[in-house]
């Protein structure tokens, strides 16, 4: 894989993380969960949630008065191949 393709994949991963925390912080559980594949896995406080229904429920479970603001920067993405990366 060439360096430009690797950079594009890494940027798409960073954009995905930014979108996830934005939706999560703004109480947009459905939009956050829609970023996962249908059988995706979200682990929150060491509790696994599999599938969009469970993931949506985990995001929606936040108390209405709780204000969350995640600060993300310097996200290191390791591109393993065309289909796999970790951050």
C-alpha atoms as a PDB file:
ATOM      1  CA  UNK A   1       0.000   0.000   0.000  1.00  0.00           C
ATOM      2  CA  UNK A   2       1.425   3.385  -0.917  1.00  0.00           C
ATOM      3  CA  UNK A   3       1.996   6.188   1.584  1.00  0.00           C
ATOM      4  CA  UNK A   4      -0.866   8.350   0.270  1.00  0.00           C
ATOM      5  CA  UNK A   5      -3.387   5.520   0.729  1.00  0.00           C
ATOM      6  CA  UNK A   6      -2.015   4.889   4.235  1.00  0.00           C
ATOM      7  CA  UNK A   7      -2.371   8.618   5.080  1.00  0.00           C
ATOM      8  CA  UNK A   8      -5.942   8.702   3.759  1.00  0.00           C
ATOM      9  CA  UNK A   9      -6.947   5.690   5.850  1.00  0.00           C
ATOM     10  CA  UNK A  10      -5.325   7.223   8.954  1.00  0.00           C
ATOM     11  CA  UNK A  11      -7.177  10.528   8.409  1.00  0.00           C
ATOM     12  CA  UNK A  12     -10.484   8.721   7.916  1.00  0.00           C
ATOM     13  CA  UNK A  13      -9.893   6.962  11.245  1.00  0.00           C
ATOM     14  CA  UNK A  14      -9.172  10.267  13.010  1.00  0.00           C
ATOM     15  CA  UNK A  15     -12.323  11.770  11.463  1.00  0.00           C
ATOM     16  CA  UNK A  16     -14.326   8.771  12.683  1.00  0.00           C
ATOM     17  CA  UNK A  17     -13.064   9.241  16.255  1.00  0.00           C
ATOM     18  CA  UNK A  18     -13.878  12.964  16.117  1.00  0.00           C
ATOM     19  CA  UNK A  19     -17.412  12.246  14.870  1.00  0.00           C
ATOM     20  CA  UNK A  20     -17.965   9.589  17.536  1.00  0.00           C
ATOM     21  CA  UNK A  21     -17.010  11.792  20.471  1.00  0.00           C
ATOM     22  CA  UNK A  22     -18.923  14.753  19.016  1.00  0.00           C
ATOM     23  CA  UNK A  23     -22.162  12.759  18.790  1.00  0.00           C
ATOM     24  CA  UNK A  24     -21.558  11.113  22.165  1.00  0.00           C
ATOM     25  CA  UNK A  25     -20.859  14.439  23.879  1.00  0.00           C
ATOM     26  CA  UNK A  26     -23.966  16.026  22.359  1.00  0.00           C
ATOM     27  CA  UNK A  27     -26.365  13.279  23.387  1.00  0.00           C
ATOM     28  CA  UNK A  28     -26.800  12.007  19.819  1.00  0.00           C
ATOM     29  CA  UNK A  29     -26.836   8.304  20.642  1.00  0.00           C
ATOM     30  CA  UNK A  30     -28.313   7.151  17.329  1.00  0.00           C
ATOM     31  CA  UNK A  31     -25.773   9.083  15.256  1.00  0.00           C
ATOM     32  CA  UNK A  32     -22.897   7.804  17.393  1.00  0.00           C
ATOM     33  CA  UNK A  33     -24.061   4.192  17.099  1.00  0.00           C
ATOM     34  CA  UNK A  34     -24.562   4.555  13.330  1.00  0.00           C
ATOM     35  CA  UNK A  35     -20.782   4.973  13.012  1.00  0.00           C
ATOM     36  CA  UNK A  36     -20.349   1.306  13.982  1.00  0.00           C
ATOM     37  CA  UNK A  37     -20.784  -1.672  11.671  1.00  0.00           C
ATOM     38  CA  UNK A  38     -24.019  -3.590  12.421  1.00  0.00           C
ATOM     39  CA  UNK A  39     -22.280  -6.110  14.688  1.00  0.00           C
ATOM     40  CA  UNK A  40     -19.735  -3.594  16.043  1.00  0.00           C
ATOM     41  CA  UNK A  41     -18.325  -3.720  19.547  1.00  0.00           C
ATOM     42  CA  UNK A  42     -18.169  -0.783  21.989  1.00  0.00           C
ATOM     43  CA  UNK A  43     -16.520  -1.310  25.376  1.00  0.00           C
ATOM     44  CA  UNK A  44     -17.422   1.259  28.024  1.00  0.00           C
ATOM     45  CA  UNK A  45     -16.116   0.949  31.582  1.00  0.00           C
ATOM     46  CA  UNK A  46     -15.020  -2.603  30.761  1.00  0.00           C
ATOM     47  CA  UNK A  47     -18.593  -3.572  29.756  1.00  0.00           C
ATOM     48  CA  UNK A  48     -18.940  -4.793  26.154  1.00  0.00           C
ATOM     49  CA  UNK A  49     -21.895  -3.709  23.994  1.00  0.00           C
ATOM     50  CA  UNK A  50     -22.317  -5.539  20.693  1.00  0.00           C
ATOM     51  CA  UNK A  51     -24.531  -4.346  17.854  1.00  0.00           C
ATOM     52  CA  UNK A  52     -26.065  -0.958  17.166  1.00  0.00           C
ATOM     53  CA  UNK A  53     -29.081  -1.468  19.450  1.00  0.00           C
ATOM     54  CA  UNK A  54     -26.879  -2.218  22.467  1.00  0.00           C
ATOM     55  CA  UNK A  55     -24.406   0.524  21.549  1.00  0.00           C
ATOM     56  CA  UNK A  56     -27.210   3.084  21.181  1.00  0.00           C
ATOM     57  CA  UNK A  57     -28.594   2.059  24.574  1.00  0.00           C
ATOM     58  CA  UNK A  58     -25.178   2.508  26.196  1.00  0.00           C
ATOM     59  CA  UNK A  59     -24.841   6.022  24.760  1.00  0.00           C
ATOM     60  CA  UNK A  60     -28.440   6.945  25.635  1.00  0.00           C
ATOM     61  CA  UNK A  61     -27.982   5.771  29.238  1.00  0.00           C
ATOM     62  CA  UNK A  62     -26.075   8.935  30.155  1.00  0.00           C
ATOM     63  CA  UNK A  63     -28.012  11.109  32.632  1.00  0.00           C
ATOM     64  CA  UNK A  64     -29.704  14.018  30.841  1.00  0.00           C
ATOM     65  CA  UNK A  65     -27.988  16.603  33.033  1.00  0.00           C
ATOM     66  CA  UNK A  66     -24.515  15.130  32.605  1.00  0.00           C
ATOM     67  CA  UNK A  67     -22.341  17.268  30.347  1.00  0.00           C
ATOM     68  CA  UNK A  68     -19.597  15.361  28.567  1.00  0.00           C
ATOM     69  CA  UNK A  69     -16.835  16.944  26.515  1.00  0.00           C
ATOM     70  CA  UNK A  70     -14.074  14.714  25.252  1.00  0.00           C
ATOM     71  CA  UNK A  71     -10.831  16.346  24.168  1.00  0.00           C
ATOM     72  CA  UNK A  72      -9.050  14.406  21.470  1.00  0.00           C
ATOM     73  CA  UNK A  73      -5.720  15.327  19.940  1.00  0.00           C
ATOM     74  CA  UNK A  74      -2.539  13.708  18.727  1.00  0.00           C
ATOM     75  CA  UNK A  75      -4.432  10.571  17.743  1.00  0.00           C
ATOM     76  CA  UNK A  76      -1.938   7.985  16.580  1.00  0.00           C
ATOM     77  CA  UNK A  77      -3.410   5.661  13.970  1.00  0.00           C
ATOM     78  CA  UNK A  78      -1.587   2.499  12.922  1.00  0.00           C
ATOM     79  CA  UNK A  79      -2.749   1.281   9.524  1.00  0.00           C
ATOM     80  CA  UNK A  80      -2.272  -2.475   9.351  1.00  0.00           C
ATOM     81  CA  UNK A  81      -3.777  -3.059   5.902  1.00  0.00           C
ATOM     82  CA  UNK A  82      -6.641  -1.815   3.675  1.00  0.00           C
ATOM     83  CA  UNK A  83      -9.269  -3.171   6.097  1.00  0.00           C
ATOM     84  CA  UNK A  84      -7.634  -2.851   9.529  1.00  0.00           C
ATOM     85  CA  UNK A  85      -6.246  -0.014  11.607  1.00  0.00           C
ATOM     86  CA  UNK A  86      -5.975   0.775  15.289  1.00  0.00           C
ATOM     87  CA  UNK A  87      -5.843   4.046  17.166  1.00  0.00           C
END
